Amino acid sequence: MQNTASKIVMRSIGKIVFLICLIPFIGEPIVRKLWGKSANLVYFLRFTLRRRKPCQTINEVQDEWHRLLNSFGIFPTVTKEDQNEYYWSMDACPYGLNKLSRKKACNAVMDFDRTYNSLLGAKLVIIDCIPNGAKCCQYVTCLASSR
């Protein structure tokens, strides 16, 4: 669960993203580009400036990814894991993108997650999401070299 201030900020961002995605032809690509570049910036600040080594194992990827999510007040649940991949879920969208009409915005903001995991040396796959009607968002993260 998110703390109240973080939840308010994330939900506000979600509303803005949803409105931008409504702009015909250019809305969704703008959000995708912005979120992808944001992931690059966060990675640069967390790894490059601190001269940290890239992740080598799925445990390192999981620790780094969850540390980043936790810093935003987001606490995912790991449901299954092995040496090359782990499955995880979230019971609520931190951006409040819970309706089917918000699916495009959800997919666009997930570019941050996909890009950041790619920079960590992993691949993030969305199995199902709340805007599709699922009870929770489900993901699998695997080492990029294992698939």
C-alpha atoms as a PDB file:
ATOM      1  CA  MET A   1       0.000   0.000   0.000  1.00  0.00           C
ATOM      2  CA  GLN A   2       1.100   3.541  -0.717  1.00  0.00           C
ATOM      3  CA  ASN A   3       1.235   6.283   1.882  1.00  0.00           C
ATOM      4  CA  THR A   4      -1.336   9.049   1.439  1.00  0.00           C
ATOM      5  CA  ALA A   5       0.934  11.750  -0.060  1.00  0.00           C
ATOM      6  CA  SER A   6       2.503   9.317  -2.536  1.00  0.00           C
ATOM      7  CA  LYS A   7      -0.919   7.976  -3.479  1.00  0.00           C
ATOM      8  CA  ILE A   8      -2.273  11.473  -4.180  1.00  0.00           C
ATOM      9  CA  VAL A   9       0.734  12.375  -6.358  1.00  0.00           C
ATOM     10  CA  MET A  10       0.652   9.102  -8.301  1.00  0.00           C
ATOM     11  CA  ARG A  11      -3.119   9.331  -8.881  1.00  0.00           C
ATOM     12  CA  SER A  12      -2.731  12.923 -10.099  1.00  0.00           C
ATOM     13  CA  ILE A  13      -0.030  11.817 -12.528  1.00  0.00           C
ATOM     14  CA  GLY A  14      -2.355   9.037 -13.687  1.00  0.00           C
ATOM     15  CA  LYS A  15      -5.112  11.555 -14.468  1.00  0.00           C
ATOM     16  CA  ILE A  16      -2.709  13.758 -16.427  1.00  0.00           C
ATOM     17  CA  VAL A  17      -1.355  10.766 -18.369  1.00  0.00           C
ATOM     18  CA  PHE A  18      -4.876   9.601 -19.176  1.00  0.00           C
ATOM     19  CA  LEU A  19      -5.782  13.058 -20.521  1.00  0.00           C
ATOM     20  CA  ILE A  20      -2.612  13.268 -22.617  1.00  0.00           C
ATOM     21  CA  CYS A  21      -3.313   9.807 -24.062  1.00  0.00           C
ATOM     22  CA  LEU A  22      -6.699  11.098 -25.248  1.00  0.00           C
ATOM     23  CA  ILE A  23      -5.001  13.452 -27.724  1.00  0.00           C
ATOM     24  CA  PRO A  24      -5.503  11.768 -31.103  1.00  0.00           C
ATOM     25  CA  PHE A  25      -2.431  10.306 -32.814  1.00  0.00           C
ATOM     26  CA  ILE A  26       0.208  11.943 -30.596  1.00  0.00           C
ATOM     27  CA  GLY A  27      -0.956  11.494 -26.984  1.00  0.00           C
ATOM     28  CA  GLU A  28       0.086   7.907 -26.359  1.00  0.00           C
ATOM     29  CA  PRO A  29       3.453   8.211 -28.211  1.00  0.00           C
ATOM     30  CA  ILE A  30       4.260  11.314 -26.133  1.00  0.00           C
ATOM     31  CA  VAL A  31       3.614   9.469 -22.872  1.00  0.00           C
ATOM     32  CA  ARG A  32       5.579   6.408 -24.019  1.00  0.00           C
ATOM     33  CA  LYS A  33       8.581   8.536 -24.994  1.00  0.00           C
ATOM     34  CA  LEU A  34       8.439  10.595 -21.801  1.00  0.00           C
ATOM     35  CA  TRP A  35       8.162   7.544 -19.537  1.00  0.00           C
ATOM     36  CA  GLY A  36      10.896   5.674 -21.401  1.00  0.00           C
ATOM     37  CA  LYS A  37      13.262   8.648 -21.117  1.00  0.00           C
ATOM     38  CA  SER A  38      12.333   9.007 -17.436  1.00  0.00           C
ATOM     39  CA  ALA A  39      13.480   5.419 -16.882  1.00  0.00           C
ATOM     40  CA  ASN A  40      16.791   6.231 -18.559  1.00  0.00           C
ATOM     41  CA  LEU A  41      17.226   9.231 -16.276  1.00  0.00           C
ATOM     42  CA  VAL A  42      16.423   7.259 -13.117  1.00  0.00           C
ATOM     43  CA  TYR A  43      18.845   4.507 -14.160  1.00  0.00           C
ATOM     44  CA  PHE A  44      21.548   7.105 -14.846  1.00  0.00           C
ATOM     45  CA  LEU A  45      21.033   8.658 -11.404  1.00  0.00           C
ATOM     46  CA  ARG A  46      20.929   5.322  -9.554  1.00  0.00           C
ATOM     47  CA  PHE A  47      23.685   3.453 -11.431  1.00  0.00           C
ATOM     48  CA  THR A  48      25.898   5.565 -13.666  1.00  0.00           C
ATOM     49  CA  LEU A  49      26.536   8.458 -11.287  1.00  0.00           C
ATOM     50  CA  ARG A  50      27.123   6.079  -8.388  1.00  0.00           C
ATOM     51  CA  ARG A  51      29.322   3.847 -10.558  1.00  0.00           C
ATOM     52  CA  ARG A  52      27.326   0.787  -9.613  1.00  0.00           C
ATOM     53  CA  LYS A  53      27.665  -2.366 -11.662  1.00  0.00           C
ATOM     54  CA  PRO A  54      24.694  -3.584 -13.705  1.00  0.00           C
ATOM     55  CA  CYS A  55      22.628  -6.452 -12.309  1.00  0.00           C
ATOM     56  CA  GLN A  56      23.981  -9.932 -13.050  1.00  0.00           C
ATOM     57  CA  THR A  57      21.301 -12.159 -11.492  1.00  0.00           C
ATOM     58  CA  ILE A  58      17.517 -12.153 -11.281  1.00  0.00           C
ATOM     59  CA  ASN A  59      17.826 -11.603  -7.502  1.00  0.00           C
ATOM     60  CA  GLU A  60      19.809  -8.410  -8.120  1.00  0.00           C
ATOM     61  CA  VAL A  61      17.208  -7.249 -10.655  1.00  0.00           C
ATOM     62  CA  GLN A  62      14.394  -8.023  -8.225  1.00  0.00           C
ATOM     63  CA  ASP A  63      16.119  -6.244  -5.330  1.00  0.00           C
ATOM     64  CA  GLU A  64      16.850  -3.121  -7.386  1.00  0.00           C
ATOM     65  CA  TRP A  65      13.417  -2.985  -9.036  1.00  0.00           C
ATOM     66  CA  HIS A  66      11.560  -3.448  -5.758  1.00  0.00           C
ATOM     67  CA  ARG A  67      13.824  -0.934  -4.008  1.00  0.00           C
ATOM     68  CA  LEU A  68      12.869   1.618  -6.668  1.00  0.00           C
ATOM     69  CA  LEU A  69       9.149   0.794  -6.433  1.00  0.00           C
ATOM     70  CA  ASN A  70       9.286   0.930  -2.633  1.00  0.00           C
ATOM     71  CA  SER A  71      10.817   4.423  -2.831  1.00  0.00           C
ATOM     72  CA  PHE A  72       7.571   5.508  -4.548  1.00  0.00           C
ATOM     73  CA  GLY A  73       5.473   3.793  -1.868  1.00  0.00           C
ATOM     74  CA  ILE A  74       4.643   0.847  -4.153  1.00  0.00           C
ATOM     75  CA  PHE A  75       4.935  -2.614  -2.614  1.00  0.00           C
ATOM     76  CA  PRO A  76       4.448  -5.491  -5.100  1.00  0.00           C
ATOM     77  CA  THR A  77       3.929  -9.106  -4.063  1.00  0.00           C
ATOM     78  CA  VAL A  78       6.273 -11.781  -5.406  1.00  0.00           C
ATOM     79  CA  THR A  79       4.184 -14.867  -6.196  1.00  0.00           C
ATOM     80  CA  LYS A  80       6.786 -17.250  -7.677  1.00  0.00           C
ATOM     81  CA  GLU A  81      10.500 -17.175  -8.384  1.00  0.00           C
ATOM     82  CA  ASP A  82      13.392 -19.265  -9.645  1.00  0.00           C
ATOM     83  CA  GLN A  83      16.953 -18.556 -10.799  1.00  0.00           C
ATOM     84  CA  ASN A  84      15.992 -16.895 -14.107  1.00  0.00           C
ATOM     85  CA  GLU A  85      12.627 -15.226 -13.503  1.00  0.00           C
ATOM     86  CA  TYR A  86      10.109 -14.161 -10.929  1.00  0.00           C
ATOM     87  CA  TYR A  87       6.381 -13.503 -11.027  1.00  0.00           C
ATOM     88  CA  TRP A  88       4.884 -10.628  -9.136  1.00  0.00           C
ATOM     89  CA  SER A  89       1.591  -8.815  -8.793  1.00  0.00           C
ATOM     90  CA  MET A  90      -0.004  -5.608  -7.595  1.00  0.00           C
ATOM     91  CA  ASP A  91      -3.555  -5.435  -6.303  1.00  0.00           C
ATOM     92  CA  ALA A  92      -4.068  -1.804  -7.332  1.00  0.00           C
ATOM     93  CA  CYS A  93      -2.698   0.559  -9.957  1.00  0.00           C
ATOM     94  CA  PRO A  94      -0.569   3.269  -8.308  1.00  0.00           C
ATOM     95  CA  TYR A  95      -1.757   5.674 -11.031  1.00  0.00           C
ATOM     96  CA  GLY A  96      -5.435   4.810 -10.554  1.00  0.00           C
ATOM     97  CA  LEU A  97      -5.748   3.523 -14.131  1.00  0.00           C
ATOM     98  CA  ASN A  98      -8.270   0.837 -13.221  1.00  0.00           C
ATOM     99  CA  LYS A  99     -10.927   1.116 -15.937  1.00  0.00           C
ATOM    100  CA  LEU A 100     -10.938  -0.409 -19.418  1.00  0.00           C
ATOM    101  CA  SER A 101     -11.014   3.122 -20.850  1.00  0.00           C
ATOM    102  CA  ARG A 102      -7.627   3.707 -19.179  1.00  0.00           C
ATOM    103  CA  LYS A 103      -5.892   0.683 -20.771  1.00  0.00           C
ATOM    104  CA  LYS A 104      -3.997   2.761 -23.350  1.00  0.00           C
ATOM    105  CA  ALA A 105      -2.646   5.060 -20.620  1.00  0.00           C
ATOM    106  CA  CYS A 106      -1.739   2.044 -18.468  1.00  0.00           C
ATOM    107  CA  ASN A 107       0.215   0.460 -21.294  1.00  0.00           C
ATOM    108  CA  ALA A 108       1.981   3.766 -22.023  1.00  0.00           C
ATOM    109  CA  VAL A 109       3.158   4.348 -18.432  1.00  0.00           C
ATOM    110  CA  MET A 110       4.366   0.741 -18.276  1.00  0.00           C
ATOM    111  CA  ASP A 111       7.065   1.823 -20.739  1.00  0.00           C
ATOM    112  CA  PHE A 112       8.916   3.179 -17.693  1.00  0.00           C
ATOM    113  CA  ASP A 113       8.831  -0.267 -16.107  1.00  0.00           C
ATOM    114  CA  ARG A 114       9.804  -2.088 -19.308  1.00  0.00           C
ATOM    115  CA  THR A 115      12.642   0.337 -20.074  1.00  0.00           C
ATOM    116  CA  TYR A 116      14.049   0.363 -16.535  1.00  0.00           C
ATOM    117  CA  ASN A 117      13.998  -3.437 -16.341  1.00  0.00           C
ATOM    118  CA  SER A 118      15.688  -3.600 -19.744  1.00  0.00           C
ATOM    119  CA  LEU A 119      18.449  -1.320 -18.455  1.00  0.00           C
ATOM    120  CA  LEU A 120      18.805  -3.663 -15.474  1.00  0.00           C
ATOM    121  CA  GLY A 121      19.332  -6.556 -17.897  1.00  0.00           C
ATOM    122  CA  ALA A 122      15.847  -8.021 -17.599  1.00  0.00           C
ATOM    123  CA  LYS A 123      12.646  -8.251 -19.569  1.00  0.00           C
ATOM    124  CA  LEU A 124       9.301  -7.325 -18.014  1.00  0.00           C
ATOM    125  CA  VAL A 125       6.193  -8.966 -19.462  1.00  0.00           C
ATOM    126  CA  ILE A 126       2.693  -7.938 -18.446  1.00  0.00           C
ATOM    127  CA  ILE A 127       0.607 -11.092 -18.047  1.00  0.00           C
ATOM    128  CA  ASP A 128      -2.645  -9.333 -17.141  1.00  0.00           C
ATOM    129  CA  CYS A 129      -3.747  -5.960 -15.844  1.00  0.00           C
ATOM    130  CA  ILE A 130      -6.619  -4.394 -13.953  1.00  0.00           C
ATOM    131  CA  PRO A 131      -7.829  -2.313 -16.947  1.00  0.00           C
ATOM    132  CA  ASN A 132      -8.355  -5.667 -18.737  1.00  0.00           C
ATOM    133  CA  GLY A 133     -10.743  -6.675 -15.956  1.00  0.00           C
ATOM    134  CA  ALA A 134      -8.252  -8.688 -13.884  1.00  0.00           C
ATOM    135  CA  LYS A 135      -8.404  -8.531 -10.086  1.00  0.00           C
ATOM    136  CA  CYS A 136      -4.715  -7.620  -9.976  1.00  0.00           C
ATOM    137  CA  CYS A 137      -1.893  -6.739 -12.338  1.00  0.00           C
ATOM    138  CA  GLN A 138       0.385  -9.719 -12.949  1.00  0.00           C
ATOM    139  CA  TYR A 139       3.909  -9.618 -14.331  1.00  0.00           C
ATOM    140  CA  VAL A 140       6.881 -11.824 -15.001  1.00  0.00           C
ATOM    141  CA  THR A 141      10.418 -10.475 -14.976  1.00  0.00           C
ATOM    142  CA  CYS A 142      13.191 -12.603 -16.444  1.00  0.00           C
ATOM    143  CA  LEU A 143      16.831 -12.090 -17.241  1.00  0.00           C
ATOM    144  CA  ALA A 144      17.139 -10.823 -20.809  1.00  0.00           C
ATOM    145  CA  SER A 145      19.722 -13.529 -21.526  1.00  0.00           C
ATOM    146  CA  SER A 146      17.366 -16.335 -20.431  1.00  0.00           C
ATOM    147  CA  ARG A 147      14.667 -15.772 -23.087  1.00  0.00           C
END
